[in-house]
């Protein structure tokens, strides 16, 4: 298994983990990833990004914050605001 798959797999495993992780379903992970990409925050499918989110202390803090915003519905709201502004 390559390190690319390893970091991506570890990222998904963290996002799915019930204890000590986000506890997201596969559908939620896809939606979370899509929202981050649409907002031009980060593309989690890029190996270097997945590695940073999993192995770097700052990246881990960013990931936890983004997951918190997602679970509170803030990412969806930001995306709606962004779309509204673009359509004005």
C-alpha atoms as a PDB file:
ATOM      1  CA  UNK A   1       0.000   0.000   0.000  1.00  0.00           C
ATOM      2  CA  UNK A   2       1.394   3.398  -0.890  1.00  0.00           C
ATOM      3  CA  UNK A   3       1.738   6.243   1.578  1.00  0.00           C
ATOM      4  CA  UNK A   4      -0.857   8.134  -0.490  1.00  0.00           C
ATOM      5  CA  UNK A   5      -3.533   5.570   0.276  1.00  0.00           C
ATOM      6  CA  UNK A   6      -2.285   5.293   3.833  1.00  0.00           C
ATOM      7  CA  UNK A   7      -2.813   8.990   4.653  1.00  0.00           C
ATOM      8  CA  UNK A   8      -6.168   9.108   2.885  1.00  0.00           C
ATOM      9  CA  UNK A   9      -7.257   5.902   4.611  1.00  0.00           C
ATOM     10  CA  UNK A  10      -6.141   7.275   7.978  1.00  0.00           C
ATOM     11  CA  UNK A  11      -8.043  10.513   7.344  1.00  0.00           C
ATOM     12  CA  UNK A  12     -11.250   8.643   6.471  1.00  0.00           C
ATOM     13  CA  UNK A  13     -10.755   6.328   9.460  1.00  0.00           C
ATOM     14  CA  UNK A  14     -10.460   9.354  11.751  1.00  0.00           C
ATOM     15  CA  UNK A  15     -13.573  10.948  10.293  1.00  0.00           C
ATOM     16  CA  UNK A  16     -15.529   7.682  10.776  1.00  0.00           C
ATOM     17  CA  UNK A  17     -14.239   6.773  14.238  1.00  0.00           C
ATOM     18  CA  UNK A  18     -16.905   6.925  16.940  1.00  0.00           C
ATOM     19  CA  UNK A  19     -14.596   7.323  19.939  1.00  0.00           C
ATOM     20  CA  UNK A  20     -11.831   9.872  19.584  1.00  0.00           C
ATOM     21  CA  UNK A  21     -12.906  10.850  16.108  1.00  0.00           C
ATOM     22  CA  UNK A  22     -15.689  12.599  14.275  1.00  0.00           C
ATOM     23  CA  UNK A  23     -18.139   9.677  13.986  1.00  0.00           C
ATOM     24  CA  UNK A  24     -19.237  10.681  10.478  1.00  0.00           C
ATOM     25  CA  UNK A  25     -20.950   8.279   8.091  1.00  0.00           C
ATOM     26  CA  UNK A  26     -19.598   7.678   4.589  1.00  0.00           C
ATOM     27  CA  UNK A  27     -22.249  10.040   3.189  1.00  0.00           C
ATOM     28  CA  UNK A  28     -21.309  12.728   5.701  1.00  0.00           C
ATOM     29  CA  UNK A  29     -17.617  12.357   4.854  1.00  0.00           C
ATOM     30  CA  UNK A  30     -18.377  12.815   1.144  1.00  0.00           C
ATOM     31  CA  UNK A  31     -20.550  15.859   1.899  1.00  0.00           C
ATOM     32  CA  UNK A  32     -17.932  17.323   4.268  1.00  0.00           C
ATOM     33  CA  UNK A  33     -15.180  16.851   1.690  1.00  0.00           C
ATOM     34  CA  UNK A  34     -17.361  18.336  -1.069  1.00  0.00           C
ATOM     35  CA  UNK A  35     -18.207  21.416   1.013  1.00  0.00           C
ATOM     36  CA  UNK A  36     -14.543  22.037   1.854  1.00  0.00           C
ATOM     37  CA  UNK A  37     -13.606  21.763  -1.815  1.00  0.00           C
ATOM     38  CA  UNK A  38     -16.503  24.007  -2.977  1.00  0.00           C
ATOM     39  CA  UNK A  39     -15.530  26.625  -0.398  1.00  0.00           C
ATOM     40  CA  UNK A  40     -11.932  26.416  -1.661  1.00  0.00           C
ATOM     41  CA  UNK A  41     -10.736  25.647   1.862  1.00  0.00           C
ATOM     42  CA  UNK A  42      -8.937  22.344   1.234  1.00  0.00           C
ATOM     43  CA  UNK A  43      -9.192  19.350  -1.091  1.00  0.00           C
ATOM     44  CA  UNK A  44      -8.964  16.313   1.170  1.00  0.00           C
ATOM     45  CA  UNK A  45      -8.527  13.982  -1.820  1.00  0.00           C
ATOM     46  CA  UNK A  46      -5.056  15.439  -2.439  1.00  0.00           C
ATOM     47  CA  UNK A  47      -2.524  13.165  -0.726  1.00  0.00           C
ATOM     48  CA  UNK A  48      -0.382  16.010   0.612  1.00  0.00           C
ATOM     49  CA  UNK A  49      -3.461  17.636   2.173  1.00  0.00           C
ATOM     50  CA  UNK A  50      -4.605  14.373   3.764  1.00  0.00           C
ATOM     51  CA  UNK A  51      -1.094  13.841   5.123  1.00  0.00           C
ATOM     52  CA  UNK A  52      -0.995  17.378   6.578  1.00  0.00           C
ATOM     53  CA  UNK A  53      -4.417  16.975   8.224  1.00  0.00           C
ATOM     54  CA  UNK A  54      -3.388  13.684   9.848  1.00  0.00           C
ATOM     55  CA  UNK A  55       0.285  14.131  10.736  1.00  0.00           C
ATOM     56  CA  UNK A  56       0.797  17.842  11.396  1.00  0.00           C
ATOM     57  CA  UNK A  57      -0.271  19.322  14.735  1.00  0.00           C
ATOM     58  CA  UNK A  58      -1.664  22.453  13.101  1.00  0.00           C
ATOM     59  CA  UNK A  59      -3.354  20.341  10.420  1.00  0.00           C
ATOM     60  CA  UNK A  60      -4.992  18.215  13.104  1.00  0.00           C
ATOM     61  CA  UNK A  61      -6.304  21.335  14.846  1.00  0.00           C
ATOM     62  CA  UNK A  62      -7.666  22.636  11.533  1.00  0.00           C
ATOM     63  CA  UNK A  63      -9.361  19.287  10.852  1.00  0.00           C
ATOM     64  CA  UNK A  64     -11.054  19.236  14.263  1.00  0.00           C
ATOM     65  CA  UNK A  65     -12.239  22.830  13.790  1.00  0.00           C
ATOM     66  CA  UNK A  66     -13.590  22.114  10.298  1.00  0.00           C
ATOM     67  CA  UNK A  67     -15.395  18.991  11.503  1.00  0.00           C
ATOM     68  CA  UNK A  68     -16.930  21.059  14.313  1.00  0.00           C
ATOM     69  CA  UNK A  69     -18.118  23.692  11.849  1.00  0.00           C
ATOM     70  CA  UNK A  70     -19.526  20.960   9.595  1.00  0.00           C
ATOM     71  CA  UNK A  71     -21.448  19.258  12.390  1.00  0.00           C
ATOM     72  CA  UNK A  72     -22.882  22.623  13.455  1.00  0.00           C
ATOM     73  CA  UNK A  73     -23.989  23.316   9.871  1.00  0.00           C
ATOM     74  CA  UNK A  74     -21.690  26.319   9.509  1.00  0.00           C
ATOM     75  CA  UNK A  75     -19.932  25.077   6.360  1.00  0.00           C
ATOM     76  CA  UNK A  76     -23.277  24.653   4.609  1.00  0.00           C
ATOM     77  CA  UNK A  77     -24.299  28.168   5.686  1.00  0.00           C
ATOM     78  CA  UNK A  78     -21.025  29.650   4.446  1.00  0.00           C
ATOM     79  CA  UNK A  79     -21.507  27.835   1.145  1.00  0.00           C
ATOM     80  CA  UNK A  80     -25.068  29.217   0.831  1.00  0.00           C
ATOM     81  CA  UNK A  81     -23.838  32.744   1.548  1.00  0.00           C
ATOM     82  CA  UNK A  82     -21.055  32.365  -0.997  1.00  0.00           C
ATOM     83  CA  UNK A  83     -23.542  31.188  -3.655  1.00  0.00           C
ATOM     84  CA  UNK A  84     -25.943  34.031  -2.828  1.00  0.00           C
ATOM     85  CA  UNK A  85     -23.176  36.609  -3.197  1.00  0.00           C
ATOM     86  CA  UNK A  86     -22.064  35.143  -6.529  1.00  0.00           C
ATOM     87  CA  UNK A  87     -25.643  35.271  -7.843  1.00  0.00           C
ATOM     88  CA  UNK A  88     -26.278  38.920  -6.882  1.00  0.00           C
END
